Amino acid sequence: MLRMNLLLAAALLASALYLVRTTYESRKLFVALEAEHARERRLQIELEQLEVAKRAQATPLRVEKIAREKLRMFNASPALTHYVPAAGASAPAVPAPAASGAMR
């Protein structure tokens, strides 16, 4: 009987220690999960901010302004257009009208 009681006490002690360990692991994993959820929310907010900034950078007016200022591009006009005949065409090319001003 004493041997059975000692065996049951050892099983009870092992079960209690296992319960404490699994509870600790569960809490530790829950804290890690909550930290990852918070990180996900921060990254989602950052993504939305970056998408707003991307849309602001790609507006047609801004692109045109940068093309004019930094790349020194300008709109094509009939005075600056050169017409190239189609391959095998027998008609001579139409010369472009003379430019009335200097190139920008």
N, C-alpha and C. Protein backbone atom coordinates (compact mmCIF):
# COMPACT_ATOMS: atom_id res chain seq x y z
N MET A 1 0.82 -1.19 0.00
CA MET A 1 0.00 0.00 0.00
C MET A 1 0.87 1.26 0.00
N LEU A 2 1.91 1.23 0.80
CA LEU A 2 2.83 2.37 0.88
C LEU A 2 3.49 2.60 -0.48
N ARG A 3 3.84 1.50 -1.12
CA ARG A 3 4.48 1.59 -2.43
C ARG A 3 3.52 2.23 -3.46
N MET A 4 2.26 1.85 -3.40
CA MET A 4 1.25 2.41 -4.31
C MET A 4 1.04 3.90 -4.03
N ASN A 5 1.03 4.28 -2.76
CA ASN A 5 0.87 5.70 -2.40
C ASN A 5 2.05 6.53 -2.90
N LEU A 6 3.25 6.01 -2.74
CA LEU A 6 4.43 6.73 -3.23
C LEU A 6 4.40 6.85 -4.75
N LEU A 7 3.97 5.81 -5.42
CA LEU A 7 3.87 5.84 -6.88
C LEU A 7 2.83 6.87 -7.33
N LEU A 8 1.69 6.89 -6.66
CA LEU A 8 0.65 7.87 -6.99
C LEU A 8 1.10 9.29 -6.66
N ALA A 9 1.83 9.48 -5.58
CA ALA A 9 2.34 10.81 -5.21
C ALA A 9 3.36 11.28 -6.25
N ALA A 10 4.21 10.38 -6.72
CA ALA A 10 5.19 10.74 -7.75
C ALA A 10 4.48 11.09 -9.06
N ALA A 11 3.44 10.33 -9.40
CA ALA A 11 2.68 10.63 -10.62
C ALA A 11 1.97 11.97 -10.49
N LEU A 12 1.41 12.24 -9.31
CA LEU A 12 0.75 13.52 -9.06
C LEU A 12 1.75 14.66 -9.16
N LEU A 13 2.93 14.50 -8.60
CA LEU A 13 3.96 15.54 -8.66
C LEU A 13 4.42 15.76 -10.10
N ALA A 14 4.62 14.70 -10.85
CA ALA A 14 5.03 14.83 -12.25
C ALA A 14 3.93 15.50 -13.06
N SER A 15 2.69 15.15 -12.80
CA SER A 15 1.57 15.76 -13.50
C SER A 15 1.47 17.25 -13.17
N ALA A 16 1.67 17.61 -11.92
CA ALA A 16 1.61 19.02 -11.51
C ALA A 16 2.74 19.81 -12.17
N LEU A 17 3.94 19.25 -12.20
CA LEU A 17 5.07 19.94 -12.83
C LEU A 17 4.84 20.09 -14.33
N TYR A 18 4.27 19.07 -14.97
CA TYR A 18 3.97 19.15 -16.40
C TYR A 18 2.91 20.22 -16.66
N LEU A 19 1.90 20.32 -15.78
CA LEU A 19 0.86 21.33 -15.91
C LEU A 19 1.46 22.73 -15.79
N VAL A 20 2.35 22.94 -14.84
CA VAL A 20 2.99 24.24 -14.67
C VAL A 20 3.82 24.58 -15.90
N ARG A 21 4.54 23.61 -16.42
CA ARG A 21 5.38 23.85 -17.59
C ARG A 21 4.53 24.19 -18.82
N THR A 22 3.47 23.43 -19.06
CA THR A 22 2.63 23.71 -20.22
C THR A 22 1.90 25.03 -20.08
N THR A 23 1.49 25.40 -18.88
CA THR A 23 0.85 26.70 -18.66
C THR A 23 1.84 27.83 -18.95
N TYR A 24 3.07 27.67 -18.51
CA TYR A 24 4.11 28.67 -18.78
C TYR A 24 4.36 28.80 -20.28
N GLU A 25 4.49 27.66 -20.96
CA GLU A 25 4.70 27.68 -22.41
C GLU A 25 3.53 28.34 -23.13
N SER A 26 2.32 28.03 -22.68
CA SER A 26 1.13 28.61 -23.29
C SER A 26 1.12 30.13 -23.13
N ARG A 27 1.43 30.61 -21.96
CA ARG A 27 1.47 32.07 -21.74
C ARG A 27 2.58 32.72 -22.55
N LYS A 28 3.71 32.06 -22.61
CA LYS A 28 4.83 32.60 -23.39
C LYS A 28 4.46 32.69 -24.87
N LEU A 29 3.80 31.67 -25.40
CA LEU A 29 3.38 31.69 -26.80
C LEU A 29 2.30 32.73 -27.04
N PHE A 30 1.40 32.92 -26.07
CA PHE A 30 0.35 33.93 -26.21
C PHE A 30 0.96 35.33 -26.25
N VAL A 31 1.94 35.59 -25.42
CA VAL A 31 2.61 36.90 -25.42
C VAL A 31 3.32 37.11 -26.76
N ALA A 32 3.97 36.08 -27.27
CA ALA A 32 4.65 36.20 -28.57
C ALA A 32 3.63 36.44 -29.68
N LEU A 33 2.48 35.77 -29.61
CA LEU A 33 1.43 35.97 -30.61
C LEU A 33 0.90 37.40 -30.57
N GLU A 34 0.68 37.93 -29.39
CA GLU A 34 0.20 39.31 -29.26
C GLU A 34 1.25 40.31 -29.78
N ALA A 35 2.52 40.03 -29.53
CA ALA A 35 3.58 40.90 -30.05
C ALA A 35 3.58 40.88 -31.57
N GLU A 36 3.38 39.72 -32.17
CA GLU A 36 3.34 39.63 -33.63
C GLU A 36 2.10 40.32 -34.20
N HIS A 37 0.98 40.25 -33.49
CA HIS A 37 -0.22 40.97 -33.94
C HIS A 37 0.03 42.48 -33.91
N ALA A 38 0.70 42.96 -32.87
CA ALA A 38 1.03 44.39 -32.79
C ALA A 38 1.98 44.77 -33.92
N ARG A 39 2.95 43.92 -34.20
CA ARG A 39 3.88 44.18 -35.30
C ARG A 39 3.14 44.20 -36.64
N GLU A 40 2.20 43.29 -36.81
CA GLU A 40 1.41 43.26 -38.04
C GLU A 40 0.62 44.56 -38.21
N ARG A 41 0.02 45.06 -37.12
CA ARG A 41 -0.73 46.31 -37.20
C ARG A 41 0.19 47.47 -37.57
N ARG A 42 1.38 47.52 -36.97
CA ARG A 42 2.34 48.59 -37.30
C ARG A 42 2.75 48.52 -38.77
N LEU A 43 3.02 47.31 -39.26
CA LEU A 43 3.43 47.15 -40.65
C LEU A 43 2.29 47.49 -41.61
N GLN A 44 1.05 47.17 -41.22
CA GLN A 44 -0.09 47.50 -42.07
C GLN A 44 -0.25 49.02 -42.16
N ILE A 45 -0.07 49.71 -41.05
CA ILE A 45 -0.15 51.18 -41.06
C ILE A 45 0.96 51.76 -41.92
N GLU A 46 2.17 51.21 -41.79
CA GLU A 46 3.30 51.69 -42.59
C GLU A 46 3.05 51.44 -44.08
N LEU A 47 2.48 50.29 -44.42
CA LEU A 47 2.16 49.99 -45.81
C LEU A 47 1.16 51.00 -46.36
N GLU A 48 0.13 51.30 -45.59
CA GLU A 48 -0.86 52.27 -46.05
C GLU A 48 -0.24 53.65 -46.25
N GLN A 49 0.66 54.04 -45.34
CA GLN A 49 1.33 55.34 -45.49
C GLN A 49 2.21 55.35 -46.74
N LEU A 50 2.91 54.26 -47.00
CA LEU A 50 3.76 54.19 -48.19
C LEU A 50 2.93 54.21 -49.47
N GLU A 51 1.78 53.56 -49.45
CA GLU A 51 0.92 53.58 -50.63
C GLU A 51 0.38 54.98 -50.90
N VAL A 52 0.04 55.71 -49.83
CA VAL A 52 -0.41 57.09 -50.00
C VAL A 52 0.72 57.94 -50.57
N ALA A 53 1.93 57.76 -50.04
CA ALA A 53 3.08 58.52 -50.54
C ALA A 53 3.36 58.17 -52.01
N LYS A 54 3.22 56.90 -52.36
CA LYS A 54 3.45 56.48 -53.75
C LYS A 54 2.44 57.12 -54.69
N ARG A 55 1.18 57.14 -54.27
CA ARG A 55 0.16 57.78 -55.10
C ARG A 55 0.44 59.27 -55.24
N ALA A 56 0.92 59.91 -54.17
CA ALA A 56 1.22 61.34 -54.23
C ALA A 56 2.40 61.61 -55.16
N GLN A 57 3.38 60.71 -55.18
CA GLN A 57 4.56 60.90 -56.03
C GLN A 57 4.25 60.67 -57.50
N ALA A 58 3.22 59.91 -57.80
CA ALA A 58 2.95 59.53 -59.18
C ALA A 58 1.84 60.35 -59.83
N THR A 59 1.50 61.49 -59.28
CA THR A 59 0.46 62.30 -59.91
C THR A 59 0.97 62.82 -61.25
N PRO A 60 0.10 62.93 -62.25
CA PRO A 60 0.55 63.36 -63.58
C PRO A 60 1.20 64.75 -63.57
N LEU A 61 0.68 65.67 -62.77
CA LEU A 61 1.28 67.00 -62.74
C LEU A 61 2.70 66.97 -62.19
N ARG A 62 2.92 66.16 -61.15
CA ARG A 62 4.25 66.07 -60.57
C ARG A 62 5.23 65.43 -61.55
N VAL A 63 4.79 64.39 -62.23
CA VAL A 63 5.65 63.72 -63.21
C VAL A 63 6.01 64.68 -64.34
N GLU A 64 5.03 65.43 -64.82
CA GLU A 64 5.30 66.39 -65.89
C GLU A 64 6.26 67.48 -65.43
N LYS A 65 6.09 67.95 -64.19
CA LYS A 65 6.97 68.99 -63.66
C LYS A 65 8.41 68.48 -63.58
N ILE A 66 8.60 67.27 -63.09
CA ILE A 66 9.95 66.71 -62.99
C ILE A 66 10.54 66.50 -64.38
N ALA A 67 9.71 66.06 -65.33
CA ALA A 67 10.20 65.86 -66.69
C ALA A 67 10.67 67.18 -67.29
N ARG A 68 9.96 68.25 -67.02
CA ARG A 68 10.36 69.56 -67.56
C ARG A 68 11.60 70.10 -66.85
N GLU A 69 11.62 70.05 -65.53
CA GLU A 69 12.70 70.68 -64.76
C GLU A 69 13.98 69.86 -64.74
N LYS A 70 13.89 68.61 -64.40
CA LYS A 70 15.11 67.81 -64.23
C LYS A 70 15.58 67.16 -65.52
N LEU A 71 14.65 66.69 -66.33
CA LEU A 71 15.04 65.99 -67.55
C LEU A 71 15.04 66.89 -68.77
N ARG A 72 14.60 68.12 -68.59
CA ARG A 72 14.54 69.12 -69.66
C ARG A 72 13.75 68.59 -70.87
N MET A 73 12.63 67.97 -70.59
CA MET A 73 11.76 67.47 -71.65
C MET A 73 10.70 68.52 -71.94
N PHE A 74 10.12 68.46 -73.13
CA PHE A 74 9.06 69.40 -73.49
C PHE A 74 8.06 68.70 -74.39
N ASN A 75 6.89 69.32 -74.52
CA ASN A 75 5.85 68.74 -75.36
C ASN A 75 6.25 68.82 -76.83
N ALA A 76 5.86 67.81 -77.56
CA ALA A 76 6.14 67.80 -79.00
C ALA A 76 5.19 68.78 -79.68
N SER A 77 5.72 69.52 -80.62
CA SER A 77 4.89 70.46 -81.39
C SER A 77 5.10 70.14 -82.88
N PRO A 78 4.21 70.60 -83.73
CA PRO A 78 4.38 70.34 -85.17
C PRO A 78 5.70 70.89 -85.70
N ALA A 79 6.21 71.97 -85.11
CA ALA A 79 7.47 72.54 -85.58
C ALA A 79 8.66 71.62 -85.28
N LEU A 80 8.53 70.79 -84.25
CA LEU A 80 9.64 69.92 -83.87
C LEU A 80 9.45 68.48 -84.35
N THR A 81 8.37 68.21 -85.05
CA THR A 81 8.04 66.86 -85.47
C THR A 81 8.66 66.56 -86.83
N HIS A 82 9.32 65.44 -86.92
CA HIS A 82 9.90 64.98 -88.19
C HIS A 82 9.08 63.80 -88.66
N TYR A 83 8.60 63.86 -89.89
CA TYR A 83 7.79 62.79 -90.44
C TYR A 83 8.68 61.87 -91.26
N VAL A 84 8.58 60.59 -91.03
CA VAL A 84 9.37 59.58 -91.72
C VAL A 84 8.43 58.80 -92.62
N PRO A 85 8.81 58.63 -93.89
CA PRO A 85 7.92 57.90 -94.80
C PRO A 85 7.86 56.42 -94.42
N ALA A 86 6.76 55.81 -94.75
CA ALA A 86 6.60 54.39 -94.50
C ALA A 86 7.53 53.62 -95.42
N ALA A 87 7.91 52.45 -95.04
CA ALA A 87 8.81 51.63 -95.85
C ALA A 87 8.12 51.26 -97.16
N GLY A 88 8.79 51.50 -98.28
CA GLY A 88 8.25 51.18 -99.59
C GLY A 88 7.34 52.25 -100.15
N ALA A 89 7.18 53.36 -99.47
CA ALA A 89 6.32 54.44 -99.98
C ALA A 89 7.09 55.21 -101.05
N SER A 90 6.40 55.57 -102.13
CA SER A 90 7.07 56.27 -103.23
C SER A 90 6.96 57.79 -103.10
N ALA A 91 6.08 58.26 -102.23
CA ALA A 91 5.91 59.71 -102.08
C ALA A 91 7.05 60.27 -101.25
N PRO A 92 7.54 61.45 -101.60
CA PRO A 92 8.61 62.05 -100.81
C PRO A 92 8.08 62.46 -99.43
N ALA A 93 8.99 62.53 -98.48
CA ALA A 93 8.62 62.92 -97.12
C ALA A 93 8.20 64.37 -97.10
N VAL A 94 7.22 64.67 -96.29
CA VAL A 94 6.76 66.05 -96.14
C VAL A 94 7.70 66.73 -95.15
N PRO A 95 8.35 67.82 -95.56
CA PRO A 95 9.26 68.47 -94.62
C PRO A 95 8.48 69.11 -93.48
N ALA A 96 9.07 69.12 -92.33
CA ALA A 96 8.44 69.74 -91.16
C ALA A 96 8.49 71.24 -91.32
N PRO A 97 7.47 71.95 -90.88
CA PRO A 97 7.49 73.41 -90.97
C PRO A 97 8.65 73.97 -90.15
N ALA A 98 9.14 75.12 -90.54
CA ALA A 98 10.27 75.74 -89.85
C ALA A 98 9.85 76.14 -88.44
N ALA A 99 10.76 75.96 -87.51
CA ALA A 99 10.47 76.33 -86.13
C ALA A 99 10.49 77.84 -86.00
N SER A 100 9.51 78.36 -85.28
CA SER A 100 9.42 79.81 -85.15
C SER A 100 10.17 80.31 -83.92
N GLY A 101 10.76 79.44 -83.17
CA GLY A 101 11.50 79.87 -81.98
C GLY A 101 12.62 78.89 -81.69
N ALA A 102 13.46 79.27 -80.77
CA ALA A 102 14.59 78.41 -80.40
C ALA A 102 14.08 77.27 -79.54
N MET A 103 14.82 76.19 -79.57
CA MET A 103 14.45 75.04 -78.73
C MET A 103 14.71 75.40 -77.28
N ARG A 104 13.93 74.80 -76.45
CA ARG A 104 14.07 75.07 -75.01
C ARG A 104 15.23 74.33 -74.44
